[in-house]
Amino acid sequence: MLPTTEQNFTSVYVCQMLSNFYRSVELFRFNDRTGEIYIFAGEELQVVISRDGKWRFIL
């Protein structure tokens, strides 16, 4: 399984947004079992990007 086009564009957008707020991206991972992209930024920010390109913070 590969990331979708929507996920590709959204991941660049989210990483750019994090960079604008001076947050370093510590981990960027595509889970081929669930099809989700996981981004860990800074010390506490966690973002999940679903197959449809929608993203959300994990608390």
PDB file of N, CA and C in Angstrom:
ATOM      1  N   MET A   1       0.851  -1.172   0.000  1.00  0.00           N
ATOM      2  CA  MET A   1       0.000   0.000   0.000  1.00  0.00           C
ATOM      3  C   MET A   1       0.899   1.238   0.000  1.00  0.00           C
ATOM      4  N   LEU A   2       0.532   2.219  -0.769  1.00  0.00           N
ATOM      5  CA  LEU A   2       1.262   3.477  -0.859  1.00  0.00           C
ATOM      6  C   LEU A   2       0.383   4.633  -0.389  1.00  0.00           C
ATOM      7  N   PRO A   3       1.002   5.752   0.024  1.00  0.00           N
ATOM      8  CA  PRO A   3       0.199   6.921   0.400  1.00  0.00           C
ATOM      9  C   PRO A   3      -0.596   7.441  -0.799  1.00  0.00           C
ATOM     10  N   THR A   4      -1.752   8.018  -0.515  1.00  0.00           N
ATOM     11  CA  THR A   4      -2.581   8.589  -1.573  1.00  0.00           C
ATOM     12  C   THR A   4      -2.051   9.977  -1.948  1.00  0.00           C
ATOM     13  N   THR A   5      -2.521  10.481  -3.069  1.00  0.00           N
ATOM     14  CA  THR A   5      -2.147  11.825  -3.498  1.00  0.00           C
ATOM     15  C   THR A   5      -2.576  12.863  -2.463  1.00  0.00           C
ATOM     16  N   GLU A   6      -3.763  12.679  -1.901  1.00  0.00           N
ATOM     17  CA  GLU A   6      -4.254  13.602  -0.880  1.00  0.00           C
ATOM     18  C   GLU A   6      -3.335  13.593   0.334  1.00  0.00           C
ATOM     19  N   GLN A   7      -2.891  12.417   0.749  1.00  0.00           N
ATOM     20  CA  GLN A   7      -1.978  12.323   1.882  1.00  0.00           C
ATOM     21  C   GLN A   7      -0.641  13.008   1.576  1.00  0.00           C
ATOM     22  N   ASN A   8      -0.161  12.852   0.366  1.00  0.00           N
ATOM     23  CA  ASN A   8       1.102  13.488  -0.007  1.00  0.00           C
ATOM     24  C   ASN A   8       1.021  14.999   0.125  1.00  0.00           C
ATOM     25  N   PHE A   9      -0.009  15.601  -0.452  1.00  0.00           N
ATOM     26  CA  PHE A   9      -0.160  17.053  -0.382  1.00  0.00           C
ATOM     27  C   PHE A   9      -0.380  17.520   1.050  1.00  0.00           C
ATOM     28  N   THR A  10      -1.197  16.795   1.807  1.00  0.00           N
ATOM     29  CA  THR A  10      -1.482  17.182   3.183  1.00  0.00           C
ATOM     30  C   THR A  10      -0.251  17.063   4.062  1.00  0.00           C
ATOM     31  N   SER A  11       0.561  16.034   3.855  1.00  0.00           N
ATOM     32  CA  SER A  11       1.757  15.876   4.679  1.00  0.00           C
ATOM     33  C   SER A  11       2.742  17.021   4.451  1.00  0.00           C
ATOM     34  N   VAL A  12       2.872  17.474   3.215  1.00  0.00           N
ATOM     35  CA  VAL A  12       3.747  18.627   2.943  1.00  0.00           C
ATOM     36  C   VAL A  12       3.170  19.870   3.618  1.00  0.00           C
ATOM     37  N   TYR A  13       1.871  20.055   3.519  1.00  0.00           N
ATOM     38  CA  TYR A  13       1.213  21.206   4.147  1.00  0.00           C
ATOM     39  C   TYR A  13       1.427  21.199   5.660  1.00  0.00           C
ATOM     40  N   VAL A  14       1.200  20.054   6.297  1.00  0.00           N
ATOM     41  CA  VAL A  14       1.332  19.958   7.755  1.00  0.00           C
ATOM     42  C   VAL A  14       2.781  20.179   8.181  1.00  0.00           C
ATOM     43  N   CYS A  15       3.732  19.580   7.480  1.00  0.00           N
ATOM     44  CA  CYS A  15       5.145  19.767   7.821  1.00  0.00           C
ATOM     45  C   CYS A  15       5.558  21.225   7.651  1.00  0.00           C
ATOM     46  N   GLN A  16       5.067  21.893   6.608  1.00  0.00           N
ATOM     47  CA  GLN A  16       5.359  23.309   6.413  1.00  0.00           C
ATOM     48  C   GLN A  16       4.755  24.145   7.531  1.00  0.00           C
ATOM     49  N   MET A  17       3.528  23.831   7.925  1.00  0.00           N
ATOM     50  CA  MET A  17       2.870  24.545   9.004  1.00  0.00           C
ATOM     51  C   MET A  17       3.652  24.377  10.309  1.00  0.00           C
ATOM     52  N   LEU A  18       4.087  23.166  10.597  1.00  0.00           N
ATOM     53  CA  LEU A  18       4.877  22.920  11.803  1.00  0.00           C
ATOM     54  C   LEU A  18       6.187  23.688  11.763  1.00  0.00           C
ATOM     55  N   SER A  19       6.810  23.722  10.610  1.00  0.00           N
ATOM     56  CA  SER A  19       8.065  24.451  10.440  1.00  0.00           C
ATOM     57  C   SER A  19       7.868  25.947  10.656  1.00  0.00           C
ATOM     58  N   ASN A  20       6.752  26.478  10.184  1.00  0.00           N
ATOM     59  CA  ASN A  20       6.461  27.902  10.378  1.00  0.00           C
ATOM     60  C   ASN A  20       6.347  28.264  11.862  1.00  0.00           C
ATOM     61  N   PHE A  21       5.946  27.294  12.690  1.00  0.00           N
ATOM     62  CA  PHE A  21       5.836  27.499  14.138  1.00  0.00           C
ATOM     63  C   PHE A  21       7.066  26.995  14.874  1.00  0.00           C
ATOM     64  N   TYR A  22       8.168  26.797  14.132  1.00  0.00           N
ATOM     65  CA  TYR A  22       9.454  26.382  14.692  1.00  0.00           C
ATOM     66  C   TYR A  22       9.374  25.063  15.460  1.00  0.00           C
ATOM     67  N   ARG A  23       8.611  24.126  14.920  1.00  0.00           N
ATOM     68  CA  ARG A  23       8.530  22.773  15.481  1.00  0.00           C
ATOM     69  C   ARG A  23       9.304  21.834  14.580  1.00  0.00           C
ATOM     70  N   SER A  24      10.214  21.091  15.140  1.00  0.00           N
ATOM     71  CA  SER A  24      10.960  20.132  14.335  1.00  0.00           C
ATOM     72  C   SER A  24      10.150  18.849  14.183  1.00  0.00           C
ATOM     73  N   VAL A  25      10.225  18.259  13.019  1.00  0.00           N
ATOM     74  CA  VAL A  25       9.551  16.989  12.772  1.00  0.00           C
ATOM     75  C   VAL A  25      10.517  15.886  13.219  1.00  0.00           C
ATOM     76  N   GLU A  26      10.145  15.193  14.278  1.00  0.00           N
ATOM     77  CA  GLU A  26      11.000  14.173  14.865  1.00  0.00           C
ATOM     78  C   GLU A  26      10.792  12.812  14.196  1.00  0.00           C
ATOM     79  N   LEU A  27       9.553  12.543  13.812  1.00  0.00           N
ATOM     80  CA  LEU A  27       9.228  11.244  13.213  1.00  0.00           C
ATOM     81  C   LEU A  27       8.168  11.432  12.146  1.00  0.00           C
ATOM     82  N   PHE A  28       8.387  10.827  10.999  1.00  0.00           N
ATOM     83  CA  PHE A  28       7.423  10.844   9.896  1.00  0.00           C
ATOM     84  C   PHE A  28       7.304   9.397   9.430  1.00  0.00           C
ATOM     85  N   ARG A  29       6.118   8.798   9.576  1.00  0.00           N
ATOM     86  CA  ARG A  29       5.985   7.379   9.275  1.00  0.00           C
ATOM     87  C   ARG A  29       4.687   7.082   8.558  1.00  0.00           C
ATOM     88  N   PHE A  30       4.775   6.257   7.522  1.00  0.00           N
ATOM     89  CA  PHE A  30       3.592   5.749   6.838  1.00  0.00           C
ATOM     90  C   PHE A  30       3.363   4.325   7.317  1.00  0.00           C
ATOM     91  N   ASN A  31       2.190   4.075   7.876  1.00  0.00           N
ATOM     92  CA  ASN A  31       1.841   2.744   8.360  1.00  0.00           C
ATOM     93  C   ASN A  31       1.116   2.010   7.237  1.00  0.00           C
ATOM     94  N   ASP A  32       1.776   1.035   6.636  1.00  0.00           N
ATOM     95  CA  ASP A  32       1.161   0.341   5.496  1.00  0.00           C
ATOM     96  C   ASP A  32       0.056  -0.618   5.916  1.00  0.00           C
ATOM     97  N   ARG A  33      -0.063  -0.880   7.202  1.00  0.00           N
ATOM     98  CA  ARG A  33      -1.158  -1.723   7.683  1.00  0.00           C
ATOM     99  C   ARG A  33      -2.464  -0.931   7.774  1.00  0.00           C
ATOM    100  N   THR A  34      -2.387   0.308   8.295  1.00  0.00           N
ATOM    101  CA  THR A  34      -3.596   1.132   8.434  1.00  0.00           C
ATOM    102  C   THR A  34      -3.756   2.139   7.303  1.00  0.00           C
ATOM    103  N   GLY A  35      -2.665   2.433   6.586  1.00  0.00           N
ATOM    104  CA  GLY A  35      -2.716   3.410   5.502  1.00  0.00           C
ATOM    105  C   GLY A  35      -2.670   4.844   5.985  1.00  0.00           C
ATOM    106  N   GLU A  36      -2.250   5.072   7.237  1.00  0.00           N
ATOM    107  CA  GLU A  36      -2.190   6.415   7.794  1.00  0.00           C
ATOM    108  C   GLU A  36      -0.741   6.896   7.878  1.00  0.00           C
ATOM    109  N   ILE A  37      -0.596   8.216   7.796  1.00  0.00           N
ATOM    110  CA  ILE A  37       0.700   8.853   8.009  1.00  0.00           C
ATOM    111  C   ILE A  37       0.698   9.416   9.424  1.00  0.00           C
ATOM    112  N   TYR A  38       1.795   9.176  10.135  1.00  0.00           N
ATOM    113  CA  TYR A  38       1.944   9.638  11.507  1.00  0.00           C
ATOM    114  C   TYR A  38       3.114  10.608  11.560  1.00  0.00           C
ATOM    115  N   ILE A  39       2.894  11.789  12.152  1.00  0.00           N
ATOM    116  CA  ILE A  39       3.940  12.788  12.301  1.00  0.00           C
ATOM    117  C   ILE A  39       4.052  13.147  13.781  1.00  0.00           C
ATOM    118  N   PHE A  40       5.259  13.041  14.312  1.00  0.00           N
ATOM    119  CA  PHE A  40       5.544  13.466  15.684  1.00  0.00           C
ATOM    120  C   PHE A  40       6.449  14.677  15.591  1.00  0.00           C
ATOM    121  N   ALA A  41       6.006  15.806  16.171  1.00  0.00           N
ATOM    122  CA  ALA A  41       6.755  17.059  16.048  1.00  0.00           C
ATOM    123  C   ALA A  41       6.996  17.675  17.416  1.00  0.00           C
ATOM    124  N   GLY A  42       8.161  18.291  17.553  1.00  0.00           N
ATOM    125  CA  GLY A  42       8.498  18.917  18.828  1.00  0.00           C
ATOM    126  C   GLY A  42       8.574  17.876  19.917  1.00  0.00           C
ATOM    127  N   GLU A  43       8.055  18.224  21.081  1.00  0.00           N
ATOM    128  CA  GLU A  43       8.081  17.283  22.198  1.00  0.00           C
ATOM    129  C   GLU A  43       6.723  16.660  22.486  1.00  0.00           C
ATOM    130  N   GLU A  44       5.656  17.236  21.912  1.00  0.00           N
ATOM    131  CA  GLU A  44       4.342  16.708  22.273  1.00  0.00           C
ATOM    132  C   GLU A  44       3.313  16.672  21.154  1.00  0.00           C
ATOM    133  N   LEU A  45       3.583  17.271  20.011  1.00  0.00           N
ATOM    134  CA  LEU A  45       2.592  17.311  18.943  1.00  0.00           C
ATOM    135  C   LEU A  45       2.589  16.023  18.134  1.00  0.00           C
ATOM    136  N   GLN A  46       1.401  15.474  17.959  1.00  0.00           N
ATOM    137  CA  GLN A  46       1.236  14.270  17.164  1.00  0.00           C
ATOM    138  C   GLN A  46       0.111  14.503  16.165  1.00  0.00           C
ATOM    139  N   VAL A  47       0.372  14.174  14.906  1.00  0.00           N
ATOM    140  CA  VAL A  47      -0.609  14.388  13.838  1.00  0.00           C
ATOM    141  C   VAL A  47      -0.780  13.083  13.074  1.00  0.00           C
ATOM    142  N   VAL A  48      -2.027  12.765  12.748  1.00  0.00           N
ATOM    143  CA  VAL A  48      -2.334  11.604  11.916  1.00  0.00           C
ATOM    144  C   VAL A  48      -3.040  12.104  10.659  1.00  0.00           C
ATOM    145  N   ILE A  49      -2.594  11.606   9.509  1.00  0.00           N
ATOM    146  CA  ILE A  49      -3.221  11.955   8.227  1.00  0.00           C
ATOM    147  C   ILE A  49      -3.858  10.692   7.668  1.00  0.00           C
ATOM    148  N   SER A  50      -5.175  10.723   7.499  1.00  0.00           N
ATOM    149  CA  SER A  50      -5.902   9.551   7.009  1.00  0.00           C
ATOM    150  C   SER A  50      -5.810   9.444   5.488  1.00  0.00           C
ATOM    151  N   ARG A  51      -6.316   8.369   4.943  1.00  0.00           N
ATOM    152  CA  ARG A  51      -6.226   8.093   3.506  1.00  0.00           C
ATOM    153  C   ARG A  51      -6.902   9.165   2.655  1.00  0.00           C
ATOM    154  N   ASP A  52      -7.924   9.827   3.198  1.00  0.00           N
ATOM    155  CA  ASP A  52      -8.630  10.857   2.425  1.00  0.00           C
ATOM    156  C   ASP A  52      -7.949  12.225   2.507  1.00  0.00           C
ATOM    157  N   GLY A  53      -6.811  12.302   3.207  1.00  0.00           N
ATOM    158  CA  GLY A  53      -6.060  13.541   3.300  1.00  0.00           C
ATOM    159  C   GLY A  53      -6.445  14.430   4.470  1.00  0.00           C
ATOM    160  N   LYS A  54      -7.426  14.017   5.262  1.00  0.00           N
ATOM    161  CA  LYS A  54      -7.814  14.806   6.430  1.00  0.00           C
ATOM    162  C   LYS A  54      -6.834  14.514   7.559  1.00  0.00           C
ATOM    163  N   TRP A  55      -6.480  15.554   8.295  1.00  0.00           N
ATOM    164  CA  TRP A  55      -5.522  15.379   9.373  1.00  0.00           C
ATOM    165  C   TRP A  55      -6.133  15.820  10.690  1.00  0.00           C
ATOM    166  N   ARG A  56      -5.556  15.274  11.769  1.00  0.00           N
ATOM    167  CA  ARG A  56      -6.037  15.605  13.105  1.00  0.00           C
ATOM    168  C   ARG A  56      -4.896  15.467  14.100  1.00  0.00           C
ATOM    169  N   PHE A  57      -4.999  16.226  15.173  1.00  0.00           N
ATOM    170  CA  PHE A  57      -4.048  16.094  16.265  1.00  0.00           C
ATOM    171  C   PHE A  57      -4.461  14.918  17.142  1.00  0.00           C
ATOM    172  N   ILE A  58      -3.483  14.254  17.716  1.00  0.00           N
ATOM    173  CA  ILE A  58      -3.727  13.209  18.710  1.00  0.00           C
ATOM    174  C   ILE A  58      -3.388  13.817  20.068  1.00  0.00           C
ATOM    175  N   LEU A  59      -4.302  13.722  20.994  1.00  0.00           N
ATOM    176  CA  LEU A  59      -4.078  14.298  22.330  1.00  0.00           C
ATOM    177  C   LEU A  59      -3.570  13.258  23.289  1.00  0.00           C
TER     178      LEU A  59
END
